[in-house]
Protein backbone atom coordinates (compact mmCIF):
# COMPACT_ATOMS: atom_id res chain seq x y z
CA UNK A 1 -11.56 -12.19 -32.57
CA UNK A 2 -8.92 -9.10 -33.01
CA UNK A 3 -5.78 -10.08 -34.28
CA UNK A 4 -3.03 -10.47 -31.66
CA UNK A 5 0.69 -9.45 -31.66
CA UNK A 6 2.76 -12.41 -30.98
CA UNK A 7 3.47 -12.49 -27.58
CA UNK A 8 7.38 -10.88 -26.62
CA UNK A 9 6.77 -7.96 -29.06
CA UNK A 10 8.44 -4.59 -28.51
CA UNK A 11 4.90 -3.61 -27.89
CA UNK A 12 4.21 -6.15 -25.25
CA UNK A 13 7.16 -5.19 -23.35
CA UNK A 14 6.35 -1.70 -23.47
CA UNK A 15 2.69 -2.33 -22.05
CA UNK A 16 4.31 -4.44 -19.60
CA UNK A 17 6.86 -1.54 -18.31
CA UNK A 18 4.12 0.70 -18.56
CA UNK A 19 1.90 -1.46 -16.59
CA UNK A 20 4.96 -2.07 -13.80
CA UNK A 21 5.31 1.69 -13.43
CA UNK A 22 1.66 2.58 -12.52
CA UNK A 23 1.52 -0.37 -10.26
CA UNK A 24 4.66 0.60 -8.78
CA UNK A 25 3.06 4.19 -8.17
CA UNK A 26 0.01 2.99 -7.13
CA UNK A 27 1.78 0.79 -4.69
CA UNK A 28 4.12 3.77 -3.14
CA UNK A 29 1.45 5.82 -2.97
CA UNK A 30 -0.65 3.42 -0.81
CA UNK A 31 2.44 2.88 1.17
CA UNK A 32 2.63 6.56 2.01
CA UNK A 33 -0.92 7.06 2.97
CA UNK A 34 -0.73 4.03 5.10
CA UNK A 35 2.31 5.30 6.91
CA UNK A 36 0.81 8.65 6.99
CA UNK A 37 -2.56 7.12 8.59
CA UNK A 38 -0.34 5.38 11.35
CA UNK A 39 1.00 8.43 12.33
CA UNK A 40 -2.02 10.27 12.93
CA UNK A 41 -3.39 6.55 14.57
CA UNK A 42 -0.45 6.78 16.78
CA UNK A 43 -0.76 10.41 17.69
CA UNK A 44 -4.29 10.07 18.89
CA UNK A 45 -3.42 6.76 20.69
CA UNK A 46 -0.92 9.25 22.50
CA UNK A 47 -3.62 11.49 22.93
CA UNK A 48 -6.41 9.16 24.11
CA UNK A 49 -3.91 7.67 26.95
CA UNK A 50 -5.98 4.98 28.92
CA UNK A 51 -9.43 7.01 27.90
CA UNK A 52 -12.05 4.85 26.22
CA UNK A 53 -11.51 4.01 22.47
CA UNK A 54 -7.66 3.88 23.48
CA UNK A 55 -7.30 0.10 23.15
CA UNK A 56 -9.34 0.22 19.68
CA UNK A 57 -6.52 2.61 18.37
CA UNK A 58 -3.79 0.34 19.94
CA UNK A 59 -5.71 -2.43 17.43
CA UNK A 60 -6.30 -0.61 14.49
CA UNK A 61 -2.32 0.89 14.69
CA UNK A 62 -1.15 -2.96 15.37
CA UNK A 63 -3.22 -4.15 12.05
CA UNK A 64 -2.39 -1.48 9.68
CA UNK A 65 1.22 -1.67 10.62
CA UNK A 66 1.37 -5.24 9.46
CA UNK A 67 -0.38 -4.67 6.48
CA UNK A 68 1.77 -1.94 5.76
CA UNK A 69 4.77 -4.42 6.21
CA UNK A 70 3.35 -6.73 4.04
CA UNK A 71 2.37 -4.41 1.08
CA UNK A 72 6.16 -3.58 1.35
CA UNK A 73 7.45 -7.05 1.35
CA UNK A 74 5.15 -8.17 -1.36
CA UNK A 75 5.82 -5.37 -3.59
CA UNK A 76 9.61 -5.91 -4.02
């Protein structure tokens, strides 16, 4: 087993900070992608009107909206 530095060293703190920054960037990018997708789905839903598939778009919008909100809450 390789030797490890004691937990709580400056190296551990640096690695944790780097991981947090990376995770923050990934969550921010995912949230932005979800928001862009919501805008696209909403526009498609408006164009579809009462045509077939409109209800599926509405359901997708609701599901993605809930997932987006959950991601934002969990990332705090």
